[in-house]
């Protein structure tokens, strides 16, 4: 099997699936070239950042076109959908599987670092020049995507290495976003989770990243500063170390998930499942490859009022916490690990053939 990847497309959000391809096929069988994809135009930042075009060419010469849509929003990219044979989309609205027969559900993902600094920069430069003739991106903007991966993300090993949980300790780090959905759901639930941990007498680190004095934020949400009052005990405005974020998340007795901006699967859900954490979550608003079961893979809460009881139960019932941890990791290994997603996708290709 040869695998062709369009080099003109975004790197950081698709790094998860590239790792799966490398594990299954080896880097020597992954070919970066724009030639098979030149009928798909990349003329603006939105097209660059939507996802990744891939062509699978098997030993019999059977060609299968796959598009990996990694956007937060649930809309389908019509030109990519028309082009591909399988449309793999992270954020699929409930009901869309019946409307679009090409859809494939990979589940949540997160960005990871797959290469050393020298290898990553060389890889990025090569990909830029491979796609330069039919791409709008400047070298500076294109390479920023590759720099981000090295500076802000870590290899998969960091997520999977064991770290002992600290009793009565919770670490949470997330951004206070600034649209209506975030105000009514994402920010509200994250803030109330931290309040519940405080009420339960837990040691708390991290908090909510507050976008201080940002004119774009204030124009979108003029009352954003009210968070300074209602969540004053939990705000921070400096970026946390990624190494600390991963280690302290692993040490946390419990973690919290809720749909992020646009109602999407956030990176946190994929990270938490990978780490094998005891997860409290509000109901999901996007499709999963298989149901996340309450009390088995995750502890679901349906309202703010249920969060405190969930925190107390997981913090005081070690057997239940470990049961959730094992269930989360088992779900990850069965459904959403990078190589597992690619294997499931290939099974779908086999069924179509």
C-alpha atoms as a PDB file:
ATOM      1  CA  UNK A   1       0.000   0.000   0.000  1.00  0.00           C
ATOM      2  CA  UNK A   2       1.243   3.454  -0.958  1.00  0.00           C
ATOM      3  CA  UNK A   3      -0.218   6.483   0.799  1.00  0.00           C
ATOM      4  CA  UNK A   4      -0.148   9.947  -0.800  1.00  0.00           C
ATOM      5  CA  UNK A   5      -0.690  13.061   1.326  1.00  0.00           C
ATOM      6  CA  UNK A   6      -1.300  16.583   0.058  1.00  0.00           C
ATOM      7  CA  UNK A   7       1.567  18.707   1.499  1.00  0.00           C
ATOM      8  CA  UNK A   8      -0.389  21.963   1.141  1.00  0.00           C
ATOM      9  CA  UNK A   9      -2.686  21.253   4.075  1.00  0.00           C
ATOM     10  CA  UNK A  10      -2.561  21.978   7.792  1.00  0.00           C
ATOM     11  CA  UNK A  11      -0.180  19.939   9.947  1.00  0.00           C
ATOM     12  CA  UNK A  12      -0.866  20.350  13.656  1.00  0.00           C
ATOM     13  CA  UNK A  13      -4.484  19.123  13.779  1.00  0.00           C
ATOM     14  CA  UNK A  14      -3.776  16.227  11.426  1.00  0.00           C
ATOM     15  CA  UNK A  15      -0.595  15.062  13.215  1.00  0.00           C
ATOM     16  CA  UNK A  16      -2.677  12.503  15.138  1.00  0.00           C
ATOM     17  CA  UNK A  17      -3.730  10.697  11.946  1.00  0.00           C
ATOM     18  CA  UNK A  18      -0.308  10.999  10.355  1.00  0.00           C
ATOM     19  CA  UNK A  19       1.077   9.076  13.340  1.00  0.00           C
ATOM     20  CA  UNK A  20      -1.458   6.314  12.663  1.00  0.00           C
ATOM     21  CA  UNK A  21      -0.407   6.159   9.020  1.00  0.00           C
ATOM     22  CA  UNK A  22       3.296   6.031   9.952  1.00  0.00           C
ATOM     23  CA  UNK A  23       2.677   3.219  12.454  1.00  0.00           C
ATOM     24  CA  UNK A  24       0.735   1.092   9.993  1.00  0.00           C
ATOM     25  CA  UNK A  25       2.620   1.709   6.762  1.00  0.00           C
ATOM     26  CA  UNK A  26       6.048   3.081   7.721  1.00  0.00           C
ATOM     27  CA  UNK A  27       7.333   6.501   6.675  1.00  0.00           C
ATOM     28  CA  UNK A  28       8.880   5.080   3.493  1.00  0.00           C
ATOM     29  CA  UNK A  29       5.409   4.294   2.151  1.00  0.00           C
ATOM     30  CA  UNK A  30       4.036   7.779   2.914  1.00  0.00           C
ATOM     31  CA  UNK A  31       4.554  10.104  -0.054  1.00  0.00           C
ATOM     32  CA  UNK A  32       4.031  13.857   0.151  1.00  0.00           C
ATOM     33  CA  UNK A  33       3.177  15.326  -3.247  1.00  0.00           C
ATOM     34  CA  UNK A  34       0.648  17.874  -4.520  1.00  0.00           C
ATOM     35  CA  UNK A  35       0.311  16.339  -7.997  1.00  0.00           C
ATOM     36  CA  UNK A  36      -2.609  13.943  -7.337  1.00  0.00           C
ATOM     37  CA  UNK A  37      -4.498  16.743  -5.548  1.00  0.00           C
ATOM     38  CA  UNK A  38      -4.087  19.703  -7.890  1.00  0.00           C
ATOM     39  CA  UNK A  39      -7.767  19.666  -8.845  1.00  0.00           C
ATOM     40  CA  UNK A  40      -8.481  20.706  -5.234  1.00  0.00           C
ATOM     41  CA  UNK A  41      -7.691  24.388  -4.865  1.00  0.00           C
ATOM     42  CA  UNK A  42      -5.998  25.716  -1.710  1.00  0.00           C
ATOM     43  CA  UNK A  43      -6.489  29.453  -2.094  1.00  0.00           C
ATOM     44  CA  UNK A  44      -7.169  30.695   1.442  1.00  0.00           C
ATOM     45  CA  UNK A  45      -6.487  29.980   5.121  1.00  0.00           C
ATOM     46  CA  UNK A  46      -9.826  28.224   5.595  1.00  0.00           C
ATOM     47  CA  UNK A  47      -9.097  25.679   2.863  1.00  0.00           C
ATOM     48  CA  UNK A  48      -5.588  25.156   4.238  1.00  0.00           C
ATOM     49  CA  UNK A  49      -6.863  24.537   7.767  1.00  0.00           C
ATOM     50  CA  UNK A  50      -9.896  22.342   7.091  1.00  0.00           C
ATOM     51  CA  UNK A  51      -8.084  19.030   7.052  1.00  0.00           C
ATOM     52  CA  UNK A  52      -5.949  16.673   5.013  1.00  0.00           C
ATOM     53  CA  UNK A  53      -6.373  14.946   1.639  1.00  0.00           C
ATOM     54  CA  UNK A  54      -5.019  11.400   1.402  1.00  0.00           C
ATOM     55  CA  UNK A  55      -4.973   8.809  -1.389  1.00  0.00           C
ATOM     56  CA  UNK A  56      -4.558   5.102  -0.662  1.00  0.00           C
ATOM     57  CA  UNK A  57      -3.140   3.077  -3.569  1.00  0.00           C
ATOM     58  CA  UNK A  58      -3.212  -0.651  -2.851  1.00  0.00           C
ATOM     59  CA  UNK A  59      -1.192  -3.477  -4.435  1.00  0.00           C
ATOM     60  CA  UNK A  60      -3.935  -4.089  -7.007  1.00  0.00           C
ATOM     61  CA  UNK A  61      -3.957  -0.467  -8.149  1.00  0.00           C
ATOM     62  CA  UNK A  62      -7.230   0.337  -6.386  1.00  0.00           C
ATOM     63  CA  UNK A  63      -7.335   4.063  -5.568  1.00  0.00           C
ATOM     64  CA  UNK A  64      -9.310   5.337  -2.570  1.00  0.00           C
ATOM     65  CA  UNK A  65      -9.527   9.048  -1.769  1.00  0.00           C
ATOM     66  CA  UNK A  66      -9.991  10.010   1.882  1.00  0.00           C
ATOM     67  CA  UNK A  67     -10.508  13.437   3.373  1.00  0.00           C
ATOM     68  CA  UNK A  68      -9.722  14.019   7.069  1.00  0.00           C
ATOM     69  CA  UNK A  69     -11.884  16.956   8.193  1.00  0.00           C
ATOM     70  CA  UNK A  70     -10.564  18.230  11.525  1.00  0.00           C
ATOM     71  CA  UNK A  71     -12.566  21.477  11.881  1.00  0.00           C
ATOM     72  CA  UNK A  72     -14.426  22.458  15.047  1.00  0.00           C
ATOM     73  CA  UNK A  73     -17.543  23.360  13.078  1.00  0.00           C
ATOM     74  CA  UNK A  74     -19.878  20.596  11.912  1.00  0.00           C
ATOM     75  CA  UNK A  75     -20.365  21.765   8.320  1.00  0.00           C
ATOM     76  CA  UNK A  76     -19.290  19.495   5.465  1.00  0.00           C
ATOM     77  CA  UNK A  77     -16.768  20.840   2.921  1.00  0.00           C
ATOM     78  CA  UNK A  78     -18.692  20.249  -0.304  1.00  0.00           C
ATOM     79  CA  UNK A  79     -15.720  20.245  -2.689  1.00  0.00           C
ATOM     80  CA  UNK A  80     -13.844  17.769  -0.473  1.00  0.00           C
ATOM     81  CA  UNK A  81     -16.945  15.610  -0.038  1.00  0.00           C
ATOM     82  CA  UNK A  82     -17.464  15.463  -3.807  1.00  0.00           C
ATOM     83  CA  UNK A  83     -13.779  14.611  -4.336  1.00  0.00           C
ATOM     84  CA  UNK A  84     -13.368  11.824  -1.788  1.00  0.00           C
ATOM     85  CA  UNK A  85     -14.584   8.255  -1.379  1.00  0.00           C
ATOM     86  CA  UNK A  86     -14.557   8.441   2.429  1.00  0.00           C
ATOM     87  CA  UNK A  87     -15.038  11.635   4.446  1.00  0.00           C
ATOM     88  CA  UNK A  88     -13.550  11.230   7.928  1.00  0.00           C
ATOM     89  CA  UNK A  89     -14.850  14.018  10.156  1.00  0.00           C
ATOM     90  CA  UNK A  90     -14.080  14.682  13.822  1.00  0.00           C
ATOM     91  CA  UNK A  91     -17.183  16.786  14.483  1.00  0.00           C
ATOM     92  CA  UNK A  92     -20.305  15.224  12.979  1.00  0.00           C
ATOM     93  CA  UNK A  93     -23.712  16.519  14.016  1.00  0.00           C
ATOM     94  CA  UNK A  94     -26.212  13.976  15.227  1.00  0.00           C
ATOM     95  CA  UNK A  95     -28.335  13.018  12.226  1.00  0.00           C
ATOM     96  CA  UNK A  96     -25.697  13.734   9.573  1.00  0.00           C
ATOM     97  CA  UNK A  97     -24.645  10.088   9.270  1.00  0.00           C
ATOM     98  CA  UNK A  98     -28.039   9.426   7.695  1.00  0.00           C
ATOM     99  CA  UNK A  99     -27.676  12.380   5.312  1.00  0.00           C
ATOM    100  CA  UNK A 100     -24.123  11.760   4.064  1.00  0.00           C
ATOM    101  CA  UNK A 101     -23.258   8.189   3.114  1.00  0.00           C
ATOM    102  CA  UNK A 102     -19.493   8.822   2.824  1.00  0.00           C
ATOM    103  CA  UNK A 103     -19.085   9.932   6.447  1.00  0.00           C
ATOM    104  CA  UNK A 104     -16.725   8.081   8.770  1.00  0.00           C
ATOM    105  CA  UNK A 105     -16.532   8.783  12.535  1.00  0.00           C
ATOM    106  CA  UNK A 106     -12.932   8.869  13.863  1.00  0.00           C
ATOM    107  CA  UNK A 107     -13.803  10.388  17.249  1.00  0.00           C
ATOM    108  CA  UNK A 108     -11.860  13.135  19.074  1.00  0.00           C
ATOM    109  CA  UNK A 109      -8.166  13.676  18.448  1.00  0.00           C
ATOM    110  CA  UNK A 110      -5.395  15.995  19.629  1.00  0.00           C
ATOM    111  CA  UNK A 111      -2.166  17.368  18.196  1.00  0.00           C
ATOM    112  CA  UNK A 112       1.069  15.527  18.898  1.00  0.00           C
ATOM    113  CA  UNK A 113       4.749  15.985  18.074  1.00  0.00           C
ATOM    114  CA  UNK A 114       6.007  13.191  15.816  1.00  0.00           C
ATOM    115  CA  UNK A 115       9.533  14.420  14.975  1.00  0.00           C
ATOM    116  CA  UNK A 116      12.672  16.035  16.389  1.00  0.00           C
ATOM    117  CA  UNK A 117      13.157  19.769  15.831  1.00  0.00           C
ATOM    118  CA  UNK A 118      15.608  19.345  12.929  1.00  0.00           C
ATOM    119  CA  UNK A 119      13.486  16.648  11.311  1.00  0.00           C
ATOM    120  CA  UNK A 120      10.320  18.710  11.756  1.00  0.00           C
ATOM    121  CA  UNK A 121      11.760  21.865  10.215  1.00  0.00           C
ATOM    122  CA  UNK A 122      13.292  19.943   7.308  1.00  0.00           C
ATOM    123  CA  UNK A 123      10.007  18.126   6.799  1.00  0.00           C
ATOM    124  CA  UNK A 124       8.086  21.423   6.828  1.00  0.00           C
ATOM    125  CA  UNK A 125      10.406  23.125   4.335  1.00  0.00           C
ATOM    126  CA  UNK A 126      10.211  20.171   1.956  1.00  0.00           C
ATOM    127  CA  UNK A 127       6.429  20.138   2.140  1.00  0.00           C
ATOM    128  CA  UNK A 128       6.250  23.876   1.510  1.00  0.00           C
ATOM    129  CA  UNK A 129       8.245  23.567  -1.704  1.00  0.00           C
ATOM    130  CA  UNK A 130       6.374  20.433  -2.759  1.00  0.00           C
ATOM    131  CA  UNK A 131       3.124  22.395  -2.757  1.00  0.00           C
ATOM    132  CA  UNK A 132       4.357  25.926  -3.397  1.00  0.00           C
ATOM    133  CA  UNK A 133       3.285  26.105  -7.048  1.00  0.00           C
ATOM    134  CA  UNK A 134      -0.400  25.609  -6.182  1.00  0.00           C
ATOM    135  CA  UNK A 135      -0.677  27.091  -2.680  1.00  0.00           C
ATOM    136  CA  UNK A 136      -1.289  30.621  -1.426  1.00  0.00           C
ATOM    137  CA  UNK A 137       0.685  30.246   1.836  1.00  0.00           C
ATOM    138  CA  UNK A 138       3.804  32.302   2.556  1.00  0.00           C
ATOM    139  CA  UNK A 139       6.787  30.357   3.904  1.00  0.00           C
ATOM    140  CA  UNK A 140       6.524  32.166   7.255  1.00  0.00           C
ATOM    141  CA  UNK A 141       2.862  31.308   7.808  1.00  0.00           C
ATOM    142  CA  UNK A 142       3.316  27.777   6.571  1.00  0.00           C
ATOM    143  CA  UNK A 143       6.273  27.058   8.878  1.00  0.00           C
ATOM    144  CA  UNK A 144       4.506  28.563  11.899  1.00  0.00           C
ATOM    145  CA  UNK A 145       2.289  25.478  11.891  1.00  0.00           C
ATOM    146  CA  UNK A 146       5.354  23.237  12.228  1.00  0.00           C
ATOM    147  CA  UNK A 147       6.993  25.423  14.905  1.00  0.00           C
ATOM    148  CA  UNK A 148       3.785  25.258  16.937  1.00  0.00           C
ATOM    149  CA  UNK A 149       3.895  21.469  17.036  1.00  0.00           C
ATOM    150  CA  UNK A 150       7.428  21.442  18.443  1.00  0.00           C
ATOM    151  CA  UNK A 151       6.921  24.211  20.997  1.00  0.00           C
ATOM    152  CA  UNK A 152       3.385  23.495  22.239  1.00  0.00           C
ATOM    153  CA  UNK A 153       2.819  19.752  21.753  1.00  0.00           C
ATOM    154  CA  UNK A 154       4.493  16.565  22.966  1.00  0.00           C
ATOM    155  CA  UNK A 155       5.033  12.995  21.662  1.00  0.00           C
ATOM    156  CA  UNK A 156       2.389  10.353  22.370  1.00  0.00           C
ATOM    157  CA  UNK A 157       4.682   8.727  24.949  1.00  0.00           C
ATOM    158  CA  UNK A 158       4.185  11.712  27.275  1.00  0.00           C
ATOM    159  CA  UNK A 159       0.444  11.031  27.397  1.00  0.00           C
ATOM    160  CA  UNK A 160       0.782   7.299  27.886  1.00  0.00           C
ATOM    161  CA  UNK A 161       3.547   7.074  30.542  1.00  0.00           C
ATOM    162  CA  UNK A 162       2.213   6.283  34.012  1.00  0.00           C
ATOM    163  CA  UNK A 163       2.020   8.999  36.681  1.00  0.00           C
ATOM    164  CA  UNK A 164       0.502   8.298  40.102  1.00  0.00           C
ATOM    165  CA  UNK A 165      -2.710  10.111  41.037  1.00  0.00           C
ATOM    166  CA  UNK A 166      -2.442  12.532  43.992  1.00  0.00           C
ATOM    167  CA  UNK A 167      -5.225  12.134  46.587  1.00  0.00           C
ATOM    168  CA  UNK A 168      -7.725  15.000  46.922  1.00  0.00           C
ATOM    169  CA  UNK A 169      -6.002  16.920  44.103  1.00  0.00           C
ATOM    170  CA  UNK A 170      -7.455  18.360  40.912  1.00  0.00           C
ATOM    171  CA  UNK A 171      -5.731  20.073  38.018  1.00  0.00           C
ATOM    172  CA  UNK A 172      -7.712  21.778  35.280  1.00  0.00           C
ATOM    173  CA  UNK A 173      -6.581  24.175  32.560  1.00  0.00           C
ATOM    174  CA  UNK A 174      -8.907  25.533  29.890  1.00  0.00           C
ATOM    175  CA  UNK A 175      -9.720  28.777  28.105  1.00  0.00           C
ATOM    176  CA  UNK A 176     -12.678  31.049  28.814  1.00  0.00           C
ATOM    177  CA  UNK A 177     -14.025  31.444  25.280  1.00  0.00           C
ATOM    178  CA  UNK A 178     -16.159  34.314  24.070  1.00  0.00           C
ATOM    179  CA  UNK A 179     -19.131  33.301  21.964  1.00  0.00           C
ATOM    180  CA  UNK A 180     -22.707  32.609  23.074  1.00  0.00           C
ATOM    181  CA  UNK A 181     -22.290  28.830  23.181  1.00  0.00           C
ATOM    182  CA  UNK A 182     -19.201  29.209  25.365  1.00  0.00           C
ATOM    183  CA  UNK A 183     -21.006  31.600  27.679  1.00  0.00           C
ATOM    184  CA  UNK A 184     -24.054  29.353  28.098  1.00  0.00           C
ATOM    185  CA  UNK A 185     -22.268  25.995  28.125  1.00  0.00           C
ATOM    186  CA  UNK A 186     -18.478  25.607  27.883  1.00  0.00           C
ATOM    187  CA  UNK A 187     -17.379  28.370  30.256  1.00  0.00           C
ATOM    188  CA  UNK A 188     -20.309  27.844  32.618  1.00  0.00           C
ATOM    189  CA  UNK A 189     -19.682  24.141  33.134  1.00  0.00           C
ATOM    190  CA  UNK A 190     -15.904  24.489  33.443  1.00  0.00           C
ATOM    191  CA  UNK A 191     -16.282  27.217  36.024  1.00  0.00           C
ATOM    192  CA  UNK A 192     -18.870  25.278  38.006  1.00  0.00           C
ATOM    193  CA  UNK A 193     -16.637  22.198  37.982  1.00  0.00           C
ATOM    194  CA  UNK A 194     -13.867  24.189  39.676  1.00  0.00           C
ATOM    195  CA  UNK A 195     -16.345  25.656  42.157  1.00  0.00           C
ATOM    196  CA  UNK A 196     -17.494  22.118  42.984  1.00  0.00           C
ATOM    197  CA  UNK A 197     -13.895  20.999  43.579  1.00  0.00           C
ATOM    198  CA  UNK A 198     -13.366  24.019  45.829  1.00  0.00           C
ATOM    199  CA  UNK A 199     -16.554  23.237  47.744  1.00  0.00           C
ATOM    200  CA  UNK A 200     -15.392  19.628  48.161  1.00  0.00           C
ATOM    201  CA  UNK A 201     -12.189  20.879  49.821  1.00  0.00           C
ATOM    202  CA  UNK A 202      -9.837  19.655  47.108  1.00  0.00           C
ATOM    203  CA  UNK A 203      -6.421  21.115  46.344  1.00  0.00           C
ATOM    204  CA  UNK A 204      -6.821  22.922  43.007  1.00  0.00           C
ATOM    205  CA  UNK A 205      -4.153  23.929  40.490  1.00  0.00           C
ATOM    206  CA  UNK A 206      -4.497  25.513  37.062  1.00  0.00           C
ATOM    207  CA  UNK A 207      -7.817  27.157  36.394  1.00  0.00           C
ATOM    208  CA  UNK A 208      -9.360  29.144  33.567  1.00  0.00           C
ATOM    209  CA  UNK A 209      -7.225  31.022  31.043  1.00  0.00           C
ATOM    210  CA  UNK A 210      -8.573  34.570  30.931  1.00  0.00           C
ATOM    211  CA  UNK A 211      -7.997  36.548  27.725  1.00  0.00           C
ATOM    212  CA  UNK A 212      -7.238  39.834  29.423  1.00  0.00           C
ATOM    213  CA  UNK A 213      -7.731  43.173  27.609  1.00  0.00           C
ATOM    214  CA  UNK A 214      -8.183  41.570  24.194  1.00  0.00           C
ATOM    215  CA  UNK A 215     -10.157  43.954  21.911  1.00  0.00           C
ATOM    216  CA  UNK A 216     -11.361  41.121  19.681  1.00  0.00           C
ATOM    217  CA  UNK A 217     -12.785  39.313  22.706  1.00  0.00           C
ATOM    218  CA  UNK A 218     -14.527  42.422  24.008  1.00  0.00           C
ATOM    219  CA  UNK A 219     -16.072  43.237  20.615  1.00  0.00           C
ATOM    220  CA  UNK A 220     -17.483  39.699  20.400  1.00  0.00           C
ATOM    221  CA  UNK A 221     -18.547  39.496  24.061  1.00  0.00           C
ATOM    222  CA  UNK A 222     -18.699  42.910  25.813  1.00  0.00           C
ATOM    223  CA  UNK A 223     -19.553  41.371  29.194  1.00  0.00           C
ATOM    224  CA  UNK A 224     -16.513  39.056  29.155  1.00  0.00           C
ATOM    225  CA  UNK A 225     -14.883  40.943  32.097  1.00  0.00           C
ATOM    226  CA  UNK A 226     -17.622  39.650  34.401  1.00  0.00           C
ATOM    227  CA  UNK A 227     -15.610  36.423  34.587  1.00  0.00           C
ATOM    228  CA  UNK A 228     -13.069  38.356  36.670  1.00  0.00           C
ATOM    229  CA  UNK A 229     -15.664  38.456  39.425  1.00  0.00           C
ATOM    230  CA  UNK A 230     -17.508  35.139  39.241  1.00  0.00           C
ATOM    231  CA  UNK A 231     -14.388  32.992  38.683  1.00  0.00           C
ATOM    232  CA  UNK A 232     -11.842  35.212  40.414  1.00  0.00           C
ATOM    233  CA  UNK A 233     -10.372  32.307  42.401  1.00  0.00           C
ATOM    234  CA  UNK A 234      -9.497  30.333  39.272  1.00  0.00           C
ATOM    235  CA  UNK A 235      -8.188  32.771  36.642  1.00  0.00           C
ATOM    236  CA  UNK A 236      -4.740  32.834  35.076  1.00  0.00           C
ATOM    237  CA  UNK A 237      -3.442  34.832  32.088  1.00  0.00           C
ATOM    238  CA  UNK A 238      -0.052  33.211  31.349  1.00  0.00           C
ATOM    239  CA  UNK A 239       0.475  30.127  29.209  1.00  0.00           C
ATOM    240  CA  UNK A 240       1.184  26.984  31.220  1.00  0.00           C
ATOM    241  CA  UNK A 241       4.061  24.654  30.437  1.00  0.00           C
ATOM    242  CA  UNK A 242       2.880  21.753  28.266  1.00  0.00           C
ATOM    243  CA  UNK A 243       4.989  19.351  30.321  1.00  0.00           C
ATOM    244  CA  UNK A 244       3.289  20.562  33.514  1.00  0.00           C
ATOM    245  CA  UNK A 245      -0.112  20.362  31.860  1.00  0.00           C
ATOM    246  CA  UNK A 246       0.327  16.681  30.981  1.00  0.00           C
ATOM    247  CA  UNK A 247       1.960  15.630  34.269  1.00  0.00           C
ATOM    248  CA  UNK A 248      -0.508  17.467  36.496  1.00  0.00           C
ATOM    249  CA  UNK A 249      -3.502  16.266  34.493  1.00  0.00           C
ATOM    250  CA  UNK A 250      -2.304  12.706  35.118  1.00  0.00           C
ATOM    251  CA  UNK A 251      -1.932  13.454  38.836  1.00  0.00           C
ATOM    252  CA  UNK A 252      -5.471  14.818  39.046  1.00  0.00           C
ATOM    253  CA  UNK A 253      -8.066  12.612  40.755  1.00  0.00           C
ATOM    254  CA  UNK A 254     -10.691  13.690  38.239  1.00  0.00           C
ATOM    255  CA  UNK A 255     -10.859  15.668  34.977  1.00  0.00           C
ATOM    256  CA  UNK A 256     -13.711  17.541  33.353  1.00  0.00           C
ATOM    257  CA  UNK A 257     -14.935  17.537  29.764  1.00  0.00           C
ATOM    258  CA  UNK A 258     -17.645  19.548  28.057  1.00  0.00           C
ATOM    259  CA  UNK A 259     -18.211  20.360  24.376  1.00  0.00           C
ATOM    260  CA  UNK A 260     -15.904  23.208  23.412  1.00  0.00           C
ATOM    261  CA  UNK A 261     -16.320  26.089  20.962  1.00  0.00           C
ATOM    262  CA  UNK A 262     -19.043  25.431  18.359  1.00  0.00           C
ATOM    263  CA  UNK A 263     -20.168  22.411  20.404  1.00  0.00           C
ATOM    264  CA  UNK A 264     -17.162  20.440  19.163  1.00  0.00           C
ATOM    265  CA  UNK A 265     -15.093  17.638  20.639  1.00  0.00           C
ATOM    266  CA  UNK A 266     -12.210  19.453  22.310  1.00  0.00           C
ATOM    267  CA  UNK A 267      -8.687  18.071  22.320  1.00  0.00           C
ATOM    268  CA  UNK A 268      -9.153  17.431  26.041  1.00  0.00           C
ATOM    269  CA  UNK A 269     -11.569  14.551  25.489  1.00  0.00           C
ATOM    270  CA  UNK A 270      -9.061  12.716  23.308  1.00  0.00           C
ATOM    271  CA  UNK A 271      -6.236  13.479  25.735  1.00  0.00           C
ATOM    272  CA  UNK A 272      -8.213  12.327  28.783  1.00  0.00           C
ATOM    273  CA  UNK A 273      -9.221   9.041  27.140  1.00  0.00           C
ATOM    274  CA  UNK A 274      -5.619   8.442  26.074  1.00  0.00           C
ATOM    275  CA  UNK A 275      -4.305   9.157  29.582  1.00  0.00           C
ATOM    276  CA  UNK A 276      -6.936   6.874  31.110  1.00  0.00           C
ATOM    277  CA  UNK A 277      -8.465   9.500  33.401  1.00  0.00           C
ATOM    278  CA  UNK A 278     -11.647   9.440  35.481  1.00  0.00           C
ATOM    279  CA  UNK A 279     -13.724  11.850  33.399  1.00  0.00           C
ATOM    280  CA  UNK A 280     -16.777  13.866  34.377  1.00  0.00           C
ATOM    281  CA  UNK A 281     -18.502  15.085  31.221  1.00  0.00           C
ATOM    282  CA  UNK A 282     -21.625  16.914  30.160  1.00  0.00           C
ATOM    283  CA  UNK A 283     -23.511  15.256  27.266  1.00  0.00           C
ATOM    284  CA  UNK A 284     -21.679  15.292  23.943  1.00  0.00           C
ATOM    285  CA  UNK A 285     -23.095  17.121  20.936  1.00  0.00           C
ATOM    286  CA  UNK A 286     -21.086  15.334  18.239  1.00  0.00           C
ATOM    287  CA  UNK A 287     -20.956  11.720  17.091  1.00  0.00           C
ATOM    288  CA  UNK A 288     -18.582   9.172  18.622  1.00  0.00           C
ATOM    289  CA  UNK A 289     -17.471   5.945  16.896  1.00  0.00           C
ATOM    290  CA  UNK A 290     -19.210   3.973  19.664  1.00  0.00           C
ATOM    291  CA  UNK A 291     -21.270   5.107  22.669  1.00  0.00           C
ATOM    292  CA  UNK A 292     -19.391   6.460  25.666  1.00  0.00           C
ATOM    293  CA  UNK A 293     -21.228   4.723  28.500  1.00  0.00           C
ATOM    294  CA  UNK A 294     -22.003   6.402  31.815  1.00  0.00           C
ATOM    295  CA  UNK A 295     -20.340   4.639  34.725  1.00  0.00           C
ATOM    296  CA  UNK A 296     -18.134   2.604  32.390  1.00  0.00           C
ATOM    297  CA  UNK A 297     -16.053   4.970  30.266  1.00  0.00           C
ATOM    298  CA  UNK A 298     -17.062   8.332  31.740  1.00  0.00           C
ATOM    299  CA  UNK A 299     -19.319   9.832  34.401  1.00  0.00           C
ATOM    300  CA  UNK A 300     -21.973  11.973  32.698  1.00  0.00           C
ATOM    301  CA  UNK A 301     -23.703  14.911  34.366  1.00  0.00           C
ATOM    302  CA  UNK A 302     -26.770  16.564  32.878  1.00  0.00           C
ATOM    303  CA  UNK A 303     -26.788  19.803  34.852  1.00  0.00           C
ATOM    304  CA  UNK A 304     -24.634  22.086  36.982  1.00  0.00           C
ATOM    305  CA  UNK A 305     -26.320  20.665  40.095  1.00  0.00           C
ATOM    306  CA  UNK A 306     -24.959  17.157  39.417  1.00  0.00           C
ATOM    307  CA  UNK A 307     -21.291  18.166  39.174  1.00  0.00           C
ATOM    308  CA  UNK A 308     -20.583  18.412  42.911  1.00  0.00           C
ATOM    309  CA  UNK A 309     -21.919  14.930  43.686  1.00  0.00           C
ATOM    310  CA  UNK A 310     -19.884  13.487  40.805  1.00  0.00           C
ATOM    311  CA  UNK A 311     -16.703  15.174  42.080  1.00  0.00           C
ATOM    312  CA  UNK A 312     -17.243  13.869  45.609  1.00  0.00           C
ATOM    313  CA  UNK A 313     -18.013  10.323  44.450  1.00  0.00           C
ATOM    314  CA  UNK A 314     -14.885  10.030  42.290  1.00  0.00           C
ATOM    315  CA  UNK A 315     -12.696  11.716  44.894  1.00  0.00           C
ATOM    316  CA  UNK A 316     -13.835   9.445  47.733  1.00  0.00           C
ATOM    317  CA  UNK A 317     -14.498   6.138  45.937  1.00  0.00           C
ATOM    318  CA  UNK A 318     -11.138   4.831  44.746  1.00  0.00           C
ATOM    319  CA  UNK A 319     -12.614   1.683  43.181  1.00  0.00           C
ATOM    320  CA  UNK A 320     -15.041   3.720  41.096  1.00  0.00           C
ATOM    321  CA  UNK A 321     -12.282   6.106  40.038  1.00  0.00           C
ATOM    322  CA  UNK A 322     -10.057   3.253  38.893  1.00  0.00           C
ATOM    323  CA  UNK A 323     -13.007   1.639  37.103  1.00  0.00           C
ATOM    324  CA  UNK A 324     -13.536   4.853  35.104  1.00  0.00           C
ATOM    325  CA  UNK A 325      -9.809   5.172  34.417  1.00  0.00           C
ATOM    326  CA  UNK A 326      -9.640   1.654  33.013  1.00  0.00           C
ATOM    327  CA  UNK A 327     -12.807   2.168  30.985  1.00  0.00           C
ATOM    328  CA  UNK A 328     -11.539   5.414  29.458  1.00  0.00           C
ATOM    329  CA  UNK A 329      -8.245   3.898  28.381  1.00  0.00           C
ATOM    330  CA  UNK A 330      -9.985   0.789  27.054  1.00  0.00           C
ATOM    331  CA  UNK A 331     -12.276   2.967  24.921  1.00  0.00           C
ATOM    332  CA  UNK A 332      -9.260   4.833  23.551  1.00  0.00           C
ATOM    333  CA  UNK A 333      -7.449   1.626  22.638  1.00  0.00           C
ATOM    334  CA  UNK A 334     -10.520   0.138  20.978  1.00  0.00           C
ATOM    335  CA  UNK A 335     -11.772   3.154  19.054  1.00  0.00           C
ATOM    336  CA  UNK A 336      -9.624   6.279  18.774  1.00  0.00           C
ATOM    337  CA  UNK A 337      -5.879   5.541  19.024  1.00  0.00           C
ATOM    338  CA  UNK A 338      -4.245   6.860  15.806  1.00  0.00           C
ATOM    339  CA  UNK A 339      -3.483   3.449  14.292  1.00  0.00           C
ATOM    340  CA  UNK A 340      -6.910   2.145  15.347  1.00  0.00           C
ATOM    341  CA  UNK A 341      -8.675   4.952  13.490  1.00  0.00           C
ATOM    342  CA  UNK A 342      -6.700   4.156  10.331  1.00  0.00           C
ATOM    343  CA  UNK A 343      -7.427   0.423  10.702  1.00  0.00           C
ATOM    344  CA  UNK A 344     -11.149   1.120  11.064  1.00  0.00           C
ATOM    345  CA  UNK A 345     -11.015   3.386   8.044  1.00  0.00           C
ATOM    346  CA  UNK A 346      -9.263   0.714   5.989  1.00  0.00           C
ATOM    347  CA  UNK A 347     -11.940  -1.783   7.014  1.00  0.00           C
ATOM    348  CA  UNK A 348     -14.474   0.657   5.616  1.00  0.00           C
ATOM    349  CA  UNK A 349     -12.507   0.836   2.374  1.00  0.00           C
ATOM    350  CA  UNK A 350     -12.540  -2.975   2.194  1.00  0.00           C
ATOM    351  CA  UNK A 351     -16.300  -3.030   2.680  1.00  0.00           C
ATOM    352  CA  UNK A 352     -16.779  -0.458  -0.103  1.00  0.00           C
ATOM    353  CA  UNK A 353     -14.601  -2.537  -2.440  1.00  0.00           C
END
